[in-house]
Amino acid sequence: MIYPIVIYGNPVLRKKAEPISADYPALNTLIDDMFKTLTKSGGVGLAAPQIGLSIQLFILDLSVMADDEPQYANFKKVFINPEITEFSSETEISEEGCLSVPGLSERVKRSLSVTIRYFDENWQEHTETYTGFPARAIQHEYDHLLGTVYVDKISPIRKQLIGSKLTALTKGKVSCHYKYKN
């Protein structure tokens, strides 16, 4: 099943997601469907709130970048009940976009590396450190579980400059190539 992507302005994007347990109904099907949705929409990451589920689950598939970044060829991961336990003090500013905020991208400051503890789809616990783009993608998706969208992290002046575009999204004026819902 391909889920519609929830668009900026929908209240589910502002809720703090709830942890889940290993007996969450049809979890493997949900994860498979999230990967199908991600592939269809052309993104590299998708959090459950972006499909209307306020649960602590996100996925990353950086393999779509493998032509330019061969090290990501097999980077396809599931993060359940994640907790970022450490953010590096070293930061970088880079362009970000979001499936829930179609048509916009902004420069966002993020930690260069993060350490994250999470469960995978087999309920195996991991604690791993990521640097560079994977760290950025993890922080972006993790923010969705906290009820934060990347545009919350840009300067107030920049947010004011794109305010009319954000307002248009909240009013259902959306243009994108994938299924969505307000």
C-alpha atoms as a PDB file:
ATOM      1  CA  MET A   1       0.000   0.000   0.000  1.00  0.00           C
ATOM      2  CA  ILE A   2       1.211   3.476  -0.844  1.00  0.00           C
ATOM      3  CA  TYR A   3       0.298   5.945   1.890  1.00  0.00           C
ATOM      4  CA  PRO A   4      -0.488   9.583   1.184  1.00  0.00           C
ATOM      5  CA  ILE A   5       2.059  11.966   2.693  1.00  0.00           C
ATOM      6  CA  VAL A   6       0.698  14.295   5.380  1.00  0.00           C
ATOM      7  CA  ILE A   7       1.300  17.932   4.419  1.00  0.00           C
ATOM      8  CA  TYR A   8       2.540  20.808   6.604  1.00  0.00           C
ATOM      9  CA  GLY A   9      -0.302  22.174   8.707  1.00  0.00           C
ATOM     10  CA  ASN A  10      -1.751  18.788   9.637  1.00  0.00           C
ATOM     11  CA  PRO A  11      -1.820  18.488  13.464  1.00  0.00           C
ATOM     12  CA  VAL A  12      -0.236  15.004  13.467  1.00  0.00           C
ATOM     13  CA  LEU A  13       3.057  16.618  12.421  1.00  0.00           C
ATOM     14  CA  ARG A  14       3.051  18.608  15.688  1.00  0.00           C
ATOM     15  CA  LYS A  15       2.319  15.723  18.066  1.00  0.00           C
ATOM     16  CA  LYS A  16       5.035  13.958  20.011  1.00  0.00           C
ATOM     17  CA  ALA A  17       5.011  10.366  18.747  1.00  0.00           C
ATOM     18  CA  GLU A  18       4.365   7.458  21.101  1.00  0.00           C
ATOM     19  CA  PRO A  19       6.705   4.477  21.550  1.00  0.00           C
ATOM     20  CA  ILE A  20       5.529   1.149  20.212  1.00  0.00           C
ATOM     21  CA  SER A  21       6.056  -2.455  21.297  1.00  0.00           C
ATOM     22  CA  ALA A  22       7.037  -5.559  19.349  1.00  0.00           C
ATOM     23  CA  ASP A  23       3.373  -6.595  19.152  1.00  0.00           C
ATOM     24  CA  TYR A  24       2.339  -3.431  17.274  1.00  0.00           C
ATOM     25  CA  PRO A  25      -0.306  -4.638  14.783  1.00  0.00           C
ATOM     26  CA  ALA A  26       1.035  -5.568  11.320  1.00  0.00           C
ATOM     27  CA  LEU A  27       4.346  -3.802  11.966  1.00  0.00           C
ATOM     28  CA  ASN A  28       6.243  -5.609   9.202  1.00  0.00           C
ATOM     29  CA  THR A  29       3.543  -4.728   6.683  1.00  0.00           C
ATOM     30  CA  LEU A  30       3.615  -1.113   7.839  1.00  0.00           C
ATOM     31  CA  ILE A  31       7.402  -0.964   7.427  1.00  0.00           C
ATOM     32  CA  ASP A  32       7.200  -2.513   3.942  1.00  0.00           C
ATOM     33  CA  ASP A  33       4.469  -0.049   2.985  1.00  0.00           C
ATOM     34  CA  MET A  34       6.515   2.863   4.326  1.00  0.00           C
ATOM     35  CA  PHE A  35       9.443   1.832   2.102  1.00  0.00           C
ATOM     36  CA  LYS A  36       7.080   1.555  -0.888  1.00  0.00           C
ATOM     37  CA  THR A  37       5.684   5.004  -0.066  1.00  0.00           C
ATOM     38  CA  LEU A  38       9.165   6.447   0.293  1.00  0.00           C
ATOM     39  CA  THR A  39      10.265   5.002  -3.050  1.00  0.00           C
ATOM     40  CA  LYS A  40       7.135   6.253  -4.819  1.00  0.00           C
ATOM     41  CA  SER A  41       7.545   9.757  -3.384  1.00  0.00           C
ATOM     42  CA  GLY A  42      11.250   9.991  -4.200  1.00  0.00           C
ATOM     43  CA  GLY A  43      12.504  10.789  -0.705  1.00  0.00           C
ATOM     44  CA  VAL A  44      15.342   9.385   1.387  1.00  0.00           C
ATOM     45  CA  GLY A  45      13.541   9.268   4.736  1.00  0.00           C
ATOM     46  CA  LEU A  46      10.022   8.913   6.064  1.00  0.00           C
ATOM     47  CA  ALA A  47       8.684   9.145   9.618  1.00  0.00           C
ATOM     48  CA  ALA A  48       5.414   7.528  10.689  1.00  0.00           C
ATOM     49  CA  PRO A  49       3.804  10.922  11.511  1.00  0.00           C
ATOM     50  CA  GLN A  50       4.252  11.811   7.835  1.00  0.00           C
ATOM     51  CA  ILE A  51       1.739   9.091   6.977  1.00  0.00           C
ATOM     52  CA  GLY A  52      -0.594  10.055   9.818  1.00  0.00           C
ATOM     53  CA  LEU A  53       0.652   7.666  12.522  1.00  0.00           C
ATOM     54  CA  SER A  54       1.940   9.279  15.693  1.00  0.00           C
ATOM     55  CA  ILE A  55       4.324   6.451  16.578  1.00  0.00           C
ATOM     56  CA  GLN A  56       8.093   6.365  17.072  1.00  0.00           C
ATOM     57  CA  LEU A  57       9.162   4.854  13.786  1.00  0.00           C
ATOM     58  CA  PHE A  58      11.118   6.190  10.866  1.00  0.00           C
ATOM     59  CA  ILE A  59      12.953   4.709   7.910  1.00  0.00           C
ATOM     60  CA  LEU A  60      15.884   5.798   5.771  1.00  0.00           C
ATOM     61  CA  ASP A  61      16.837   4.593   2.322  1.00  0.00           C
ATOM     62  CA  LEU A  62      19.983   6.338   1.141  1.00  0.00           C
ATOM     63  CA  SER A  63      20.569   3.741  -1.568  1.00  0.00           C
ATOM     64  CA  VAL A  64      18.845   6.085  -4.039  1.00  0.00           C
ATOM     65  CA  MET A  65      21.967   8.260  -3.739  1.00  0.00           C
ATOM     66  CA  ALA A  66      24.374   5.402  -4.564  1.00  0.00           C
ATOM     67  CA  ASP A  67      25.154   6.614  -8.093  1.00  0.00           C
ATOM     68  CA  ASP A  68      26.780   9.724  -6.642  1.00  0.00           C
ATOM     69  CA  GLU A  69      27.641   8.315  -3.198  1.00  0.00           C
ATOM     70  CA  PRO A  70      28.554   4.598  -3.569  1.00  0.00           C
ATOM     71  CA  GLN A  71      28.973   4.166   0.210  1.00  0.00           C
ATOM     72  CA  TYR A  72      25.158   4.419   0.548  1.00  0.00           C
ATOM     73  CA  ALA A  73      24.428   1.501  -1.820  1.00  0.00           C
ATOM     74  CA  ASN A  74      23.109  -0.721   0.996  1.00  0.00           C
ATOM     75  CA  PHE A  75      21.961   1.949   3.440  1.00  0.00           C
ATOM     76  CA  LYS A  76      18.349   1.003   4.141  1.00  0.00           C
ATOM     77  CA  LYS A  77      17.379   1.137   7.812  1.00  0.00           C
ATOM     78  CA  VAL A  78      14.432   1.023  10.180  1.00  0.00           C
ATOM     79  CA  PHE A  79      14.529   3.023  13.435  1.00  0.00           C
ATOM     80  CA  ILE A  80      11.962   2.078  16.097  1.00  0.00           C
ATOM     81  CA  ASN A  81      11.676   3.973  19.401  1.00  0.00           C
ATOM     82  CA  PRO A  82      14.881   5.871  18.621  1.00  0.00           C
ATOM     83  CA  GLU A  83      16.699   8.155  21.007  1.00  0.00           C
ATOM     84  CA  ILE A  84      19.528  10.397  19.942  1.00  0.00           C
ATOM     85  CA  THR A  85      21.882  10.144  22.899  1.00  0.00           C
ATOM     86  CA  GLU A  86      24.607  12.467  21.658  1.00  0.00           C
ATOM     87  CA  PHE A  87      24.854  15.389  19.246  1.00  0.00           C
ATOM     88  CA  SER A  88      28.305  16.567  18.175  1.00  0.00           C
ATOM     89  CA  SER A  89      29.160  20.168  18.980  1.00  0.00           C
ATOM     90  CA  GLU A  90      30.505  20.483  15.444  1.00  0.00           C
ATOM     91  CA  THR A  91      27.724  21.604  13.114  1.00  0.00           C
ATOM     92  CA  GLU A  92      27.135  22.292   9.454  1.00  0.00           C
ATOM     93  CA  ILE A  93      24.521  24.212   7.512  1.00  0.00           C
ATOM     94  CA  SER A  94      23.056  22.504   4.481  1.00  0.00           C
ATOM     95  CA  GLU A  95      19.957  22.505   2.296  1.00  0.00           C
ATOM     96  CA  GLU A  96      17.032  20.340   3.421  1.00  0.00           C
ATOM     97  CA  GLY A  97      13.670  19.531   1.989  1.00  0.00           C
ATOM     98  CA  CYS A  98      10.794  17.441   3.284  1.00  0.00           C
ATOM     99  CA  LEU A  99       8.050  15.363   1.703  1.00  0.00           C
ATOM    100  CA  SER A 100       5.602  17.051   4.093  1.00  0.00           C
ATOM    101  CA  VAL A 101       6.692  20.506   2.901  1.00  0.00           C
ATOM    102  CA  PRO A 102       6.694  20.030  -0.888  1.00  0.00           C
ATOM    103  CA  GLY A 103       8.218  22.645  -3.123  1.00  0.00           C
ATOM    104  CA  LEU A 104      10.432  24.219  -0.472  1.00  0.00           C
ATOM    105  CA  SER A 105      13.970  23.718   0.724  1.00  0.00           C
ATOM    106  CA  GLU A 106      15.926  25.741   3.264  1.00  0.00           C
ATOM    107  CA  ARG A 107      19.357  25.810   4.817  1.00  0.00           C
ATOM    108  CA  VAL A 108      19.312  24.163   8.248  1.00  0.00           C
ATOM    109  CA  LYS A 109      22.020  23.935  10.906  1.00  0.00           C
ATOM    110  CA  ARG A 110      22.524  20.398  12.243  1.00  0.00           C
ATOM    111  CA  SER A 111      25.101  18.511  14.261  1.00  0.00           C
ATOM    112  CA  LEU A 112      27.708  16.898  12.046  1.00  0.00           C
ATOM    113  CA  SER A 113      27.404  13.584  13.890  1.00  0.00           C
ATOM    114  CA  VAL A 114      24.923  11.875  16.199  1.00  0.00           C
ATOM    115  CA  THR A 115      24.791   8.768  18.312  1.00  0.00           C
ATOM    116  CA  ILE A 116      21.421   7.049  18.263  1.00  0.00           C
ATOM    117  CA  ARG A 117      19.977   4.116  20.178  1.00  0.00           C
ATOM    118  CA  TYR A 118      17.085   2.311  18.467  1.00  0.00           C
ATOM    119  CA  PHE A 119      15.457  -1.006  17.652  1.00  0.00           C
ATOM    120  CA  ASP A 120      15.466  -2.382  14.120  1.00  0.00           C
ATOM    121  CA  GLU A 121      12.581  -4.226  12.444  1.00  0.00           C
ATOM    122  CA  ASN A 122      13.677  -7.455  14.204  1.00  0.00           C
ATOM    123  CA  TRP A 123      13.645  -5.744  17.613  1.00  0.00           C
ATOM    124  CA  GLN A 124      17.403  -5.918  17.886  1.00  0.00           C
ATOM    125  CA  GLU A 125      18.751  -2.958  19.840  1.00  0.00           C
ATOM    126  CA  HIS A 126      21.539  -0.868  18.310  1.00  0.00           C
ATOM    127  CA  THR A 127      23.620   2.097  19.421  1.00  0.00           C
ATOM    128  CA  GLU A 128      25.415   3.638  16.452  1.00  0.00           C
ATOM    129  CA  THR A 129      27.144   6.866  15.523  1.00  0.00           C
ATOM    130  CA  TYR A 130      26.562   8.484  12.146  1.00  0.00           C
ATOM    131  CA  THR A 131      28.362  11.379  10.515  1.00  0.00           C
ATOM    132  CA  GLY A 132      27.628  13.600   7.521  1.00  0.00           C
ATOM    133  CA  PHE A 133      24.492  13.122   5.448  1.00  0.00           C
ATOM    134  CA  PRO A 134      23.204  10.064   7.360  1.00  0.00           C
ATOM    135  CA  ALA A 135      23.442  12.080  10.606  1.00  0.00           C
ATOM    136  CA  ARG A 136      21.507  14.947   8.984  1.00  0.00           C
ATOM    137  CA  ALA A 137      18.804  12.595   7.684  1.00  0.00           C
ATOM    138  CA  ILE A 138      18.478  10.913  11.082  1.00  0.00           C
ATOM    139  CA  GLN A 139      18.092  14.280  12.844  1.00  0.00           C
ATOM    140  CA  HIS A 140      15.484  15.380  10.295  1.00  0.00           C
ATOM    141  CA  GLU A 141      13.348  12.235  10.700  1.00  0.00           C
ATOM    142  CA  TYR A 142      13.860  12.123  14.472  1.00  0.00           C
ATOM    143  CA  ASP A 143      12.514  15.682  14.661  1.00  0.00           C
ATOM    144  CA  HIS A 144       9.260  14.435  13.120  1.00  0.00           C
ATOM    145  CA  LEU A 145       8.852  12.114  16.117  1.00  0.00           C
ATOM    146  CA  LEU A 146       9.192  15.142  18.405  1.00  0.00           C
ATOM    147  CA  GLY A 147       6.562  17.157  16.511  1.00  0.00           C
ATOM    148  CA  THR A 148       9.144  19.366  14.802  1.00  0.00           C
ATOM    149  CA  VAL A 149       9.401  20.181  11.101  1.00  0.00           C
ATOM    150  CA  TYR A 150      12.652  21.407   9.562  1.00  0.00           C
ATOM    151  CA  VAL A 151      11.235  24.880   8.850  1.00  0.00           C
ATOM    152  CA  ASP A 152      11.014  25.342  12.643  1.00  0.00           C
ATOM    153  CA  LYS A 153      14.812  25.414  12.644  1.00  0.00           C
ATOM    154  CA  ILE A 154      15.332  28.257  10.172  1.00  0.00           C
ATOM    155  CA  SER A 155      15.780  31.893  11.142  1.00  0.00           C
ATOM    156  CA  PRO A 156      12.659  33.905  11.985  1.00  0.00           C
ATOM    157  CA  ILE A 157      13.383  36.271   9.102  1.00  0.00           C
ATOM    158  CA  ARG A 158      13.690  33.404   6.624  1.00  0.00           C
ATOM    159  CA  LYS A 159      10.520  31.809   7.992  1.00  0.00           C
ATOM    160  CA  GLN A 160       8.711  35.109   7.523  1.00  0.00           C
ATOM    161  CA  LEU A 161       9.936  35.264   3.912  1.00  0.00           C
ATOM    162  CA  ILE A 162       8.451  31.833   3.126  1.00  0.00           C
ATOM    163  CA  GLY A 163       5.395  32.371   5.328  1.00  0.00           C
ATOM    164  CA  SER A 164       2.956  32.755   2.450  1.00  0.00           C
ATOM    165  CA  LYS A 165       4.136  29.455   0.952  1.00  0.00           C
ATOM    166  CA  LEU A 166       3.715  27.683   4.293  1.00  0.00           C
ATOM    167  CA  THR A 167       0.270  29.217   4.707  1.00  0.00           C
ATOM    168  CA  ALA A 168      -0.678  28.022   1.228  1.00  0.00           C
ATOM    169  CA  LEU A 169       0.323  24.465   2.192  1.00  0.00           C
ATOM    170  CA  THR A 170      -1.857  24.617   5.318  1.00  0.00           C
ATOM    171  CA  LYS A 171      -4.772  25.696   3.111  1.00  0.00           C
ATOM    172  CA  GLY A 172      -4.359  22.734   0.783  1.00  0.00           C
ATOM    173  CA  LYS A 173      -2.596  24.522  -2.056  1.00  0.00           C
ATOM    174  CA  VAL A 174      -0.162  21.721  -2.768  1.00  0.00           C
ATOM    175  CA  SER A 175       1.670  20.722  -5.910  1.00  0.00           C
ATOM    176  CA  CYS A 176       3.650  17.489  -5.820  1.00  0.00           C
ATOM    177  CA  HIS A 177       3.997  14.254  -7.785  1.00  0.00           C
ATOM    178  CA  TYR A 178       2.969  11.910  -4.961  1.00  0.00           C
ATOM    179  CA  LYS A 179      -0.227  11.154  -3.059  1.00  0.00           C
ATOM    180  CA  TYR A 180      -0.797  13.517  -0.161  1.00  0.00           C
ATOM    181  CA  LYS A 181      -3.379  14.587   2.391  1.00  0.00           C
ATOM    182  CA  ASN A 182      -3.801  17.789   4.352  1.00  0.00           C
END
